[in-house]
N, C-alpha and C. Protein backbone atom coordinates (compact mmCIF):
# COMPACT_ATOMS: atom_id res chain seq x y z
N MET A 1 21.73 3.97 -58.55
CA MET A 1 20.66 4.25 -57.62
C MET A 1 19.48 3.35 -57.97
N GLU A 2 18.91 2.73 -56.98
CA GLU A 2 17.73 1.89 -57.17
C GLU A 2 16.54 2.59 -56.52
N TYR A 3 15.42 2.61 -57.25
CA TYR A 3 14.17 3.19 -56.73
C TYR A 3 13.17 2.05 -56.58
N ALA A 4 12.41 2.08 -55.49
CA ALA A 4 11.45 1.00 -55.24
C ALA A 4 10.29 1.50 -54.39
N VAL A 5 9.10 0.98 -54.67
CA VAL A 5 7.96 1.17 -53.78
C VAL A 5 8.00 0.00 -52.81
N LEU A 6 8.13 0.31 -51.52
CA LEU A 6 8.19 -0.74 -50.51
C LEU A 6 6.82 -1.26 -50.13
N GLY A 7 5.80 -0.47 -50.37
CA GLY A 7 4.44 -0.89 -50.05
C GLY A 7 3.48 0.27 -50.21
N TRP A 8 2.21 -0.07 -50.37
CA TRP A 8 1.14 0.90 -50.56
C TRP A 8 0.47 1.17 -49.22
N PRO A 9 -0.30 2.25 -49.12
CA PRO A 9 -0.87 2.62 -47.82
C PRO A 9 -1.60 1.47 -47.11
N ASP A 10 -2.36 0.69 -47.83
CA ASP A 10 -3.11 -0.41 -47.18
C ASP A 10 -2.22 -1.56 -46.72
N GLU A 11 -0.96 -1.58 -47.17
CA GLU A 11 -0.03 -2.62 -46.75
C GLU A 11 0.74 -2.24 -45.48
N GLY A 12 0.67 -0.96 -45.12
CA GLY A 12 1.26 -0.49 -43.88
C GLY A 12 2.76 -0.62 -43.72
N PRO A 13 3.54 -0.34 -44.76
CA PRO A 13 5.00 -0.45 -44.59
C PRO A 13 5.51 0.61 -43.60
N LYS A 14 6.58 0.27 -42.89
CA LYS A 14 7.20 1.20 -41.96
C LYS A 14 8.69 1.28 -42.25
N LEU A 15 9.25 2.46 -41.99
CA LEU A 15 10.69 2.66 -42.13
C LEU A 15 11.21 3.29 -40.85
N ARG A 16 12.35 2.86 -40.41
CA ARG A 16 13.01 3.50 -39.27
C ARG A 16 14.23 4.23 -39.81
N LEU A 17 14.12 5.54 -39.87
CA LEU A 17 15.19 6.38 -40.40
C LEU A 17 15.90 7.10 -39.26
N ASP A 18 17.17 7.37 -39.45
CA ASP A 18 17.97 8.08 -38.47
C ASP A 18 17.51 9.54 -38.44
N TYR A 19 16.94 9.97 -37.32
CA TYR A 19 16.39 11.31 -37.22
C TYR A 19 17.45 12.41 -37.35
N GLU A 20 18.71 12.08 -37.13
CA GLU A 20 19.77 13.08 -37.26
C GLU A 20 20.17 13.29 -38.72
N ARG A 21 19.83 12.37 -39.58
CA ARG A 21 20.24 12.47 -40.98
C ARG A 21 19.06 12.62 -41.95
N PHE A 22 17.86 12.28 -41.50
CA PHE A 22 16.67 12.38 -42.35
C PHE A 22 15.63 13.27 -41.69
N SER A 23 15.21 14.31 -42.38
CA SER A 23 14.10 15.13 -41.89
C SER A 23 12.84 14.29 -41.86
N TYR A 24 11.92 14.61 -40.98
CA TYR A 24 10.63 13.92 -40.87
C TYR A 24 10.76 12.43 -40.57
N ALA A 25 11.88 11.99 -40.01
CA ALA A 25 12.13 10.56 -39.80
C ALA A 25 10.98 9.86 -39.09
N GLY A 26 10.40 10.49 -38.09
CA GLY A 26 9.32 9.87 -37.33
C GLY A 26 8.07 9.61 -38.15
N LYS A 27 7.86 10.35 -39.21
CA LYS A 27 6.67 10.17 -40.05
C LYS A 27 6.72 8.87 -40.85
N PHE A 28 7.89 8.28 -40.99
CA PHE A 28 8.03 7.08 -41.80
C PHE A 28 7.78 5.80 -40.99
N VAL A 29 7.54 5.96 -39.69
CA VAL A 29 7.20 4.81 -38.85
C VAL A 29 5.69 4.58 -38.90
N MET A 30 4.94 5.59 -39.33
CA MET A 30 3.48 5.45 -39.43
C MET A 30 3.15 4.37 -40.45
N SER A 31 2.10 3.63 -40.17
CA SER A 31 1.75 2.51 -41.05
C SER A 31 0.61 2.83 -42.01
N ASN A 32 0.04 4.04 -41.96
CA ASN A 32 -1.08 4.35 -42.84
C ASN A 32 -0.66 5.05 -44.12
N THR A 33 0.64 5.05 -44.43
CA THR A 33 1.12 5.64 -45.67
C THR A 33 1.95 4.62 -46.43
N GLY A 34 1.90 4.73 -47.76
CA GLY A 34 2.80 3.93 -48.58
C GLY A 34 4.19 4.51 -48.48
N LYS A 35 5.19 3.74 -48.90
CA LYS A 35 6.56 4.21 -48.83
C LYS A 35 7.29 3.83 -50.12
N ALA A 36 8.09 4.78 -50.61
CA ALA A 36 8.98 4.54 -51.74
C ALA A 36 10.35 5.03 -51.32
N VAL A 37 11.39 4.41 -51.86
CA VAL A 37 12.76 4.74 -51.44
C VAL A 37 13.72 4.80 -52.62
N ALA A 38 14.82 5.49 -52.37
CA ALA A 38 15.99 5.45 -53.24
C ALA A 38 17.11 4.88 -52.39
N ARG A 39 17.85 3.92 -52.93
CA ARG A 39 18.92 3.31 -52.15
C ARG A 39 20.11 2.98 -53.04
N VAL A 40 21.27 2.91 -52.39
CA VAL A 40 22.51 2.54 -53.06
C VAL A 40 23.25 1.56 -52.17
N SER A 41 24.09 0.75 -52.78
CA SER A 41 24.93 -0.13 -51.98
C SER A 41 26.41 0.16 -52.21
N ARG A 42 26.72 0.96 -53.27
CA ARG A 42 28.11 1.30 -53.56
C ARG A 42 28.19 2.76 -53.97
N ASP A 43 29.31 3.40 -53.66
CA ASP A 43 29.50 4.79 -54.06
C ASP A 43 30.03 4.85 -55.49
N ALA A 44 30.32 6.07 -55.97
CA ALA A 44 30.78 6.25 -57.35
C ALA A 44 32.08 5.51 -57.64
N ALA A 45 32.90 5.28 -56.62
CA ALA A 45 34.17 4.55 -56.80
C ALA A 45 33.98 3.04 -56.65
N GLY A 46 32.74 2.60 -56.43
CA GLY A 46 32.48 1.18 -56.29
C GLY A 46 32.69 0.63 -54.89
N LEU A 47 32.94 1.52 -53.93
CA LEU A 47 33.15 1.08 -52.56
C LEU A 47 31.81 0.92 -51.84
N PRO A 48 31.71 -0.08 -50.96
CA PRO A 48 30.45 -0.27 -50.22
C PRO A 48 30.11 0.95 -49.36
N VAL A 49 28.83 1.29 -49.33
CA VAL A 49 28.34 2.36 -48.45
C VAL A 49 27.23 1.79 -47.60
N ASN A 50 26.99 2.42 -46.47
CA ASN A 50 25.88 2.00 -45.63
C ASN A 50 25.28 3.24 -44.99
N TYR A 51 24.12 3.62 -45.48
CA TYR A 51 23.41 4.75 -44.91
C TYR A 51 22.41 4.25 -43.87
N GLY A 52 22.55 3.02 -43.44
CA GLY A 52 21.60 2.46 -42.49
C GLY A 52 20.33 2.05 -43.21
N ASP A 53 19.46 1.39 -42.51
CA ASP A 53 18.15 0.98 -43.02
C ASP A 53 18.18 0.61 -44.50
N ASP A 54 18.92 -0.40 -44.82
CA ASP A 54 18.97 -0.95 -46.18
C ASP A 54 19.56 0.01 -47.20
N HIS A 55 20.57 0.79 -46.81
CA HIS A 55 21.29 1.69 -47.72
C HIS A 55 20.40 2.79 -48.30
N LEU A 56 19.41 3.24 -47.55
CA LEU A 56 18.50 4.26 -48.04
C LEU A 56 19.17 5.63 -48.11
N VAL A 57 18.91 6.34 -49.19
CA VAL A 57 19.38 7.71 -49.31
C VAL A 57 18.22 8.69 -49.40
N ALA A 58 17.01 8.19 -49.66
CA ALA A 58 15.83 9.05 -49.73
C ALA A 58 14.58 8.20 -49.54
N ALA A 59 13.51 8.84 -49.09
CA ALA A 59 12.24 8.14 -48.90
C ALA A 59 11.09 9.11 -49.10
N ILE A 60 9.96 8.56 -49.52
CA ILE A 60 8.71 9.30 -49.69
C ILE A 60 7.61 8.50 -49.01
N ALA A 61 6.76 9.20 -48.26
CA ALA A 61 5.54 8.61 -47.70
C ALA A 61 4.36 9.20 -48.48
N PHE A 62 3.36 8.38 -48.77
CA PHE A 62 2.22 8.85 -49.57
C PHE A 62 0.93 8.15 -49.14
N ASN A 63 -0.21 8.81 -49.38
CA ASN A 63 -1.51 8.19 -49.10
C ASN A 63 -2.60 8.84 -49.96
N GLU A 64 -3.75 8.16 -49.98
CA GLU A 64 -4.87 8.63 -50.78
C GLU A 64 -5.48 9.88 -50.17
N ASP A 65 -6.05 10.70 -51.04
CA ASP A 65 -6.82 11.85 -50.60
C ASP A 65 -8.09 11.33 -49.92
N ARG A 66 -8.48 11.94 -48.83
CA ARG A 66 -9.65 11.47 -48.08
C ARG A 66 -10.97 11.73 -48.80
N THR A 67 -10.99 12.71 -49.70
CA THR A 67 -12.25 13.08 -50.35
C THR A 67 -12.27 12.85 -51.85
N ASP A 68 -11.14 12.50 -52.43
CA ASP A 68 -11.06 12.29 -53.88
C ASP A 68 -10.28 11.01 -54.15
N ASP A 69 -11.00 9.94 -54.49
CA ASP A 69 -10.34 8.64 -54.66
C ASP A 69 -9.46 8.57 -55.92
N GLY A 70 -9.44 9.63 -56.72
CA GLY A 70 -8.57 9.67 -57.89
C GLY A 70 -7.26 10.41 -57.62
N THR A 71 -7.06 10.82 -56.37
CA THR A 71 -5.87 11.61 -56.02
C THR A 71 -5.06 10.93 -54.92
N MET A 72 -3.75 10.91 -55.11
CA MET A 72 -2.82 10.43 -54.09
C MET A 72 -1.95 11.62 -53.70
N TRP A 73 -1.62 11.73 -52.42
CA TRP A 73 -0.76 12.79 -51.89
C TRP A 73 0.60 12.25 -51.52
N LEU A 74 1.65 12.93 -51.96
CA LEU A 74 2.98 12.68 -51.42
C LEU A 74 3.02 13.49 -50.14
N ARG A 75 3.22 12.82 -49.00
CA ARG A 75 3.14 13.50 -47.71
C ARG A 75 4.49 14.00 -47.21
N TYR A 76 5.48 13.17 -47.28
CA TYR A 76 6.80 13.55 -46.78
C TYR A 76 7.87 13.04 -47.74
N VAL A 77 8.80 13.92 -48.06
CA VAL A 77 9.95 13.55 -48.88
C VAL A 77 11.18 13.89 -48.05
N THR A 78 12.09 12.95 -47.92
CA THR A 78 13.31 13.20 -47.16
C THR A 78 14.50 12.59 -47.89
N VAL A 79 15.61 13.30 -47.82
CA VAL A 79 16.86 12.85 -48.43
C VAL A 79 17.93 12.90 -47.35
N HIS A 80 18.79 11.88 -47.32
CA HIS A 80 19.88 11.82 -46.36
C HIS A 80 20.65 13.14 -46.38
N ALA A 81 20.99 13.67 -45.21
CA ALA A 81 21.65 14.97 -45.10
C ALA A 81 22.91 15.07 -45.97
N ASP A 82 23.65 13.99 -46.11
CA ASP A 82 24.88 14.02 -46.91
C ASP A 82 24.63 14.00 -48.41
N ARG A 83 23.38 13.77 -48.83
CA ARG A 83 23.09 13.62 -50.26
C ARG A 83 22.13 14.68 -50.79
N ARG A 84 21.76 15.65 -49.97
CA ARG A 84 20.83 16.70 -50.43
C ARG A 84 21.47 17.54 -51.52
N GLY A 85 20.64 18.01 -52.44
CA GLY A 85 21.12 18.86 -53.52
C GLY A 85 21.60 18.11 -54.74
N GLU A 86 21.50 16.78 -54.73
CA GLU A 86 21.96 15.97 -55.87
C GLU A 86 20.83 15.61 -56.84
N GLY A 87 19.61 16.02 -56.55
CA GLY A 87 18.48 15.69 -57.41
C GLY A 87 17.82 14.35 -57.10
N ILE A 88 18.24 13.71 -56.02
CA ILE A 88 17.69 12.40 -55.67
C ILE A 88 16.22 12.51 -55.28
N GLY A 89 15.85 13.55 -54.55
CA GLY A 89 14.45 13.74 -54.15
C GLY A 89 13.56 13.92 -55.36
N SER A 90 14.01 14.71 -56.34
CA SER A 90 13.23 14.91 -57.57
C SER A 90 13.05 13.59 -58.31
N GLU A 91 14.12 12.83 -58.44
CA GLU A 91 14.05 11.55 -59.15
C GLU A 91 13.13 10.57 -58.42
N LEU A 92 13.22 10.53 -57.10
CA LEU A 92 12.34 9.64 -56.35
C LEU A 92 10.88 10.08 -56.48
N ALA A 93 10.62 11.37 -56.46
CA ALA A 93 9.25 11.87 -56.65
C ALA A 93 8.74 11.50 -58.04
N ARG A 94 9.59 11.63 -59.05
CA ARG A 94 9.21 11.27 -60.42
C ARG A 94 8.89 9.77 -60.51
N PHE A 95 9.77 8.94 -59.94
CA PHE A 95 9.56 7.50 -59.93
C PHE A 95 8.25 7.13 -59.21
N THR A 96 8.07 7.67 -58.02
CA THR A 96 6.88 7.35 -57.21
C THR A 96 5.61 7.79 -57.92
N THR A 97 5.64 8.98 -58.51
CA THR A 97 4.48 9.48 -59.24
C THR A 97 4.14 8.56 -60.41
N GLY A 98 5.13 8.07 -61.10
CA GLY A 98 4.88 7.12 -62.20
C GLY A 98 4.19 5.86 -61.71
N ARG A 99 4.64 5.31 -60.58
CA ARG A 99 4.02 4.10 -60.04
C ARG A 99 2.59 4.38 -59.60
N ILE A 100 2.35 5.56 -59.04
CA ILE A 100 1.00 5.93 -58.61
C ILE A 100 0.07 6.03 -59.81
N HIS A 101 0.52 6.68 -60.87
CA HIS A 101 -0.31 6.79 -62.08
C HIS A 101 -0.58 5.41 -62.69
N GLU A 102 0.38 4.50 -62.59
CA GLU A 102 0.17 3.14 -63.10
C GLU A 102 -0.97 2.44 -62.37
N ARG A 103 -1.28 2.88 -61.17
CA ARG A 103 -2.38 2.31 -60.38
C ARG A 103 -3.68 3.08 -60.62
N ASP A 104 -3.72 3.86 -61.70
CA ASP A 104 -4.91 4.57 -62.17
C ASP A 104 -5.34 5.77 -61.33
N TYR A 105 -4.44 6.34 -60.56
CA TYR A 105 -4.74 7.62 -59.91
C TYR A 105 -4.55 8.71 -60.96
N GLN A 106 -5.52 9.62 -61.06
CA GLN A 106 -5.45 10.67 -62.07
C GLN A 106 -4.50 11.80 -61.67
N ARG A 107 -4.40 12.07 -60.36
CA ARG A 107 -3.60 13.18 -59.88
C ARG A 107 -2.73 12.75 -58.71
N VAL A 108 -1.57 13.39 -58.62
CA VAL A 108 -0.69 13.25 -57.46
C VAL A 108 -0.42 14.67 -56.99
N LYS A 109 -0.63 14.92 -55.71
CA LYS A 109 -0.43 16.26 -55.15
C LYS A 109 0.61 16.22 -54.03
N ILE A 110 1.18 17.37 -53.78
CA ILE A 110 2.10 17.54 -52.65
C ILE A 110 2.03 19.00 -52.20
N ALA A 111 2.16 19.23 -50.91
CA ALA A 111 2.22 20.57 -50.34
C ALA A 111 3.64 20.79 -49.84
N VAL A 112 4.27 21.88 -50.28
CA VAL A 112 5.67 22.14 -49.92
C VAL A 112 5.79 23.45 -49.16
N ASN A 113 6.77 23.49 -48.25
CA ASN A 113 6.90 24.66 -47.38
C ASN A 113 8.17 25.47 -47.59
N ASN A 114 8.92 25.19 -48.67
CA ASN A 114 10.12 25.97 -48.92
C ASN A 114 10.42 26.02 -50.42
N PRO A 115 11.16 27.04 -50.84
CA PRO A 115 11.42 27.19 -52.28
C PRO A 115 12.28 26.09 -52.88
N TYR A 116 13.12 25.46 -52.08
CA TYR A 116 13.97 24.37 -52.61
C TYR A 116 13.10 23.17 -53.00
N ALA A 117 12.19 22.78 -52.11
CA ALA A 117 11.29 21.67 -52.41
C ALA A 117 10.38 22.02 -53.59
N TYR A 118 9.91 23.26 -53.62
CA TYR A 118 9.05 23.73 -54.71
C TYR A 118 9.76 23.53 -56.05
N HIS A 119 11.00 24.00 -56.14
CA HIS A 119 11.78 23.87 -57.37
C HIS A 119 12.04 22.40 -57.71
N ALA A 120 12.38 21.61 -56.71
CA ALA A 120 12.66 20.18 -56.93
C ALA A 120 11.43 19.46 -57.47
N LEU A 121 10.25 19.79 -56.96
CA LEU A 121 9.03 19.13 -57.44
C LEU A 121 8.69 19.57 -58.86
N TYR A 122 9.01 20.79 -59.21
CA TYR A 122 8.85 21.21 -60.61
C TYR A 122 9.74 20.35 -61.50
N ARG A 123 10.96 20.08 -61.04
CA ARG A 123 11.87 19.23 -61.82
C ARG A 123 11.31 17.82 -61.96
N ALA A 124 10.45 17.42 -61.05
CA ALA A 124 9.85 16.09 -61.10
C ALA A 124 8.56 16.08 -61.92
N GLY A 125 8.19 17.21 -62.52
CA GLY A 125 7.03 17.25 -63.38
C GLY A 125 5.77 17.81 -62.75
N PHE A 126 5.86 18.35 -61.56
CA PHE A 126 4.70 18.94 -60.88
C PHE A 126 4.56 20.40 -61.28
N GLY A 127 3.38 20.98 -61.02
CA GLY A 127 3.13 22.40 -61.25
C GLY A 127 2.30 22.97 -60.12
N PHE A 128 2.47 24.26 -59.88
CA PHE A 128 1.76 24.97 -58.82
C PHE A 128 0.30 25.15 -59.20
N THR A 129 -0.60 24.80 -58.28
CA THR A 129 -2.03 24.91 -58.52
C THR A 129 -2.57 26.30 -58.23
N GLY A 130 -1.79 27.12 -57.53
CA GLY A 130 -2.28 28.42 -57.08
C GLY A 130 -2.87 28.34 -55.68
N GLU A 131 -2.95 27.13 -55.13
CA GLU A 131 -3.54 26.92 -53.80
C GLU A 131 -2.45 26.88 -52.74
N GLU A 132 -2.85 27.28 -51.52
CA GLU A 132 -2.00 27.14 -50.35
C GLU A 132 -2.79 26.39 -49.29
N THR A 133 -2.08 25.65 -48.45
CA THR A 133 -2.75 24.99 -47.33
C THR A 133 -2.76 25.95 -46.15
N GLY A 134 -3.47 25.58 -45.11
CA GLY A 134 -3.50 26.39 -43.90
C GLY A 134 -2.17 26.42 -43.18
N LEU A 135 -1.24 25.58 -43.60
CA LEU A 135 0.08 25.51 -42.96
C LEU A 135 1.13 26.29 -43.73
N ALA A 136 0.69 27.22 -44.58
CA ALA A 136 1.59 28.04 -45.38
C ALA A 136 2.40 27.21 -46.38
N GLU A 137 1.81 26.14 -46.86
CA GLU A 137 2.45 25.30 -47.87
C GLU A 137 1.78 25.56 -49.21
N LEU A 138 2.55 25.48 -50.28
CA LEU A 138 2.01 25.63 -51.63
C LEU A 138 1.69 24.25 -52.18
N VAL A 139 0.54 24.13 -52.84
CA VAL A 139 0.10 22.85 -53.39
C VAL A 139 0.53 22.74 -54.84
N LEU A 140 1.23 21.64 -55.14
CA LEU A 140 1.62 21.33 -56.51
C LEU A 140 0.94 20.02 -56.90
N GLU A 141 0.75 19.83 -58.21
CA GLU A 141 0.15 18.57 -58.65
C GLU A 141 0.74 18.09 -59.95
N HIS A 142 0.56 16.79 -60.16
CA HIS A 142 0.96 16.11 -61.39
C HIS A 142 -0.26 15.35 -61.89
N PRO A 143 -0.63 15.49 -63.14
CA PRO A 143 0.04 16.31 -64.14
C PRO A 143 -0.13 17.80 -63.83
N LYS A 144 0.76 18.59 -64.43
CA LYS A 144 0.75 20.03 -64.19
C LYS A 144 -0.57 20.64 -64.60
N PRO A 145 -1.04 21.66 -63.86
CA PRO A 145 -2.22 22.41 -64.31
C PRO A 145 -1.93 23.09 -65.64
N GLU A 146 -2.95 23.41 -66.39
CA GLU A 146 -2.76 24.05 -67.69
C GLU A 146 -2.13 25.42 -67.58
N THR A 147 -2.47 26.17 -66.55
CA THR A 147 -1.91 27.51 -66.36
C THR A 147 -0.55 27.40 -65.67
N GLU A 148 0.47 27.97 -66.29
CA GLU A 148 1.81 27.94 -65.72
C GLU A 148 1.93 28.99 -64.62
N ARG A 149 2.31 28.55 -63.42
CA ARG A 149 2.39 29.45 -62.26
C ARG A 149 3.71 29.34 -61.51
N TYR A 150 4.76 28.94 -62.18
CA TYR A 150 6.04 28.76 -61.50
C TYR A 150 6.46 30.02 -60.75
N GLN A 151 6.51 31.15 -61.44
CA GLN A 151 6.93 32.39 -60.79
C GLN A 151 5.93 32.86 -59.73
N ASP A 152 4.66 32.55 -59.92
CA ASP A 152 3.65 32.91 -58.91
C ASP A 152 3.98 32.26 -57.56
N GLY A 153 4.35 31.00 -57.59
CA GLY A 153 4.71 30.30 -56.36
C GLY A 153 5.98 30.88 -55.74
N LEU A 154 6.97 31.16 -56.59
CA LEU A 154 8.20 31.76 -56.07
C LEU A 154 7.92 33.12 -55.44
N ASP A 155 6.96 33.87 -56.03
CA ASP A 155 6.59 35.17 -55.46
C ASP A 155 5.97 35.01 -54.07
N VAL A 156 5.22 33.95 -53.86
CA VAL A 156 4.66 33.70 -52.52
C VAL A 156 5.79 33.54 -51.52
N TYR A 157 6.81 32.77 -51.87
CA TYR A 157 7.95 32.60 -50.98
C TYR A 157 8.71 33.92 -50.79
N ARG A 158 8.83 34.71 -51.87
CA ARG A 158 9.57 35.98 -51.77
C ARG A 158 8.94 36.92 -50.75
N ALA A 159 7.64 36.80 -50.53
CA ALA A 159 6.93 37.66 -49.59
C ALA A 159 7.09 37.21 -48.14
N ARG A 160 7.77 36.10 -47.92
CA ARG A 160 7.93 35.54 -46.57
C ARG A 160 9.27 35.94 -45.96
N ASP A 161 9.37 35.70 -44.68
CA ASP A 161 10.63 35.91 -43.96
C ASP A 161 11.55 34.75 -44.31
N LEU A 162 12.64 35.02 -45.01
CA LEU A 162 13.50 33.97 -45.55
C LEU A 162 14.92 34.05 -44.99
N SER A 163 15.61 32.94 -45.10
CA SER A 163 17.03 32.92 -44.76
C SER A 163 17.80 33.58 -45.90
N PRO A 164 19.02 34.02 -45.65
CA PRO A 164 19.83 34.59 -46.74
C PRO A 164 20.01 33.60 -47.90
N ASN A 165 20.18 32.33 -47.61
CA ASN A 165 20.33 31.33 -48.68
C ASN A 165 19.07 31.23 -49.52
N GLU A 166 17.90 31.26 -48.88
CA GLU A 166 16.64 31.20 -49.63
C GLU A 166 16.46 32.45 -50.48
N GLU A 167 16.81 33.61 -49.92
CA GLU A 167 16.71 34.86 -50.70
C GLU A 167 17.61 34.81 -51.93
N GLU A 168 18.81 34.30 -51.77
CA GLU A 168 19.75 34.16 -52.89
C GLU A 168 19.22 33.18 -53.93
N PHE A 169 18.68 32.07 -53.47
CA PHE A 169 18.10 31.06 -54.37
C PHE A 169 16.97 31.68 -55.19
N LEU A 170 16.07 32.40 -54.52
CA LEU A 170 14.94 33.00 -55.22
C LEU A 170 15.39 34.10 -56.19
N ALA A 171 16.40 34.86 -55.81
CA ALA A 171 16.92 35.90 -56.70
C ALA A 171 17.47 35.28 -57.98
N ALA A 172 18.10 34.13 -57.86
CA ALA A 172 18.66 33.44 -59.03
C ALA A 172 17.56 32.91 -59.95
N LYS A 173 16.36 32.69 -59.42
CA LYS A 173 15.26 32.15 -60.22
C LYS A 173 14.35 33.25 -60.79
N GLU A 174 14.58 34.51 -60.40
CA GLU A 174 13.75 35.63 -60.85
C GLU A 174 13.66 35.67 -62.37
N GLY A 175 12.43 35.66 -62.89
CA GLY A 175 12.20 35.77 -64.32
C GLY A 175 12.52 34.54 -65.14
N ARG A 176 12.99 33.49 -64.51
CA ARG A 176 13.35 32.26 -65.24
C ARG A 176 12.12 31.39 -65.48
N ARG A 177 12.25 30.57 -66.50
CA ARG A 177 11.21 29.57 -66.80
C ARG A 177 11.29 28.44 -65.80
N PRO A 178 10.25 27.66 -65.69
CA PRO A 178 10.31 26.48 -64.80
C PRO A 178 11.39 25.52 -65.25
N PRO A 179 11.96 24.78 -64.31
CA PRO A 179 12.98 23.79 -64.70
C PRO A 179 12.37 22.73 -65.59
N GLN A 180 13.19 22.18 -66.45
CA GLN A 180 12.74 21.10 -67.34
C GLN A 180 12.45 19.86 -66.52
N SER A 181 11.47 19.11 -66.96
CA SER A 181 11.16 17.84 -66.29
C SER A 181 10.92 16.78 -67.35
N VAL A 182 11.09 15.55 -66.92
CA VAL A 182 10.76 14.40 -67.76
C VAL A 182 9.68 13.67 -67.00
N ASP A 183 8.46 13.72 -67.50
CA ASP A 183 7.35 13.11 -66.80
C ASP A 183 7.51 11.60 -66.73
N PRO A 184 7.01 11.02 -65.60
CA PRO A 184 7.07 9.56 -65.46
C PRO A 184 6.23 8.86 -66.50
């Protein structure tokens, strides 16, 4: 797997993703966000693969906070439908966060709307801030806040109307520690 930043927000990179295979595909055509990707050219058996758009399997769009020049936001994270659940989104978030910190941003934030993304971002080294957006998303940041709130965030999701799969996922995480992460 290769990870790369295709461009920063001021460079206006655009991606055309297949909307049937990538969530939020239309958001990656916008030119006011930076873009980072995960891509492959061969499968585990060494056979050529083509996920379209330069063999992309995942992408992240990001931009600066409008009021805090020391903060960058990861806006959209998407993984090819055939590759979800493999940890690619977490690895891409970890990679992208590392590149952002190398550019002297003190914080990287993301707002997530489901327990799967919440857990994946914890695996990427983020932590719950205790804040929610007006869109019912939980705000996570890197580096992690000093106060550990992993279960607090899961409790917010537990109070919502969930699918049976989400309920099962949350039940399996009850009382558990946050997933291990390797910071960028």
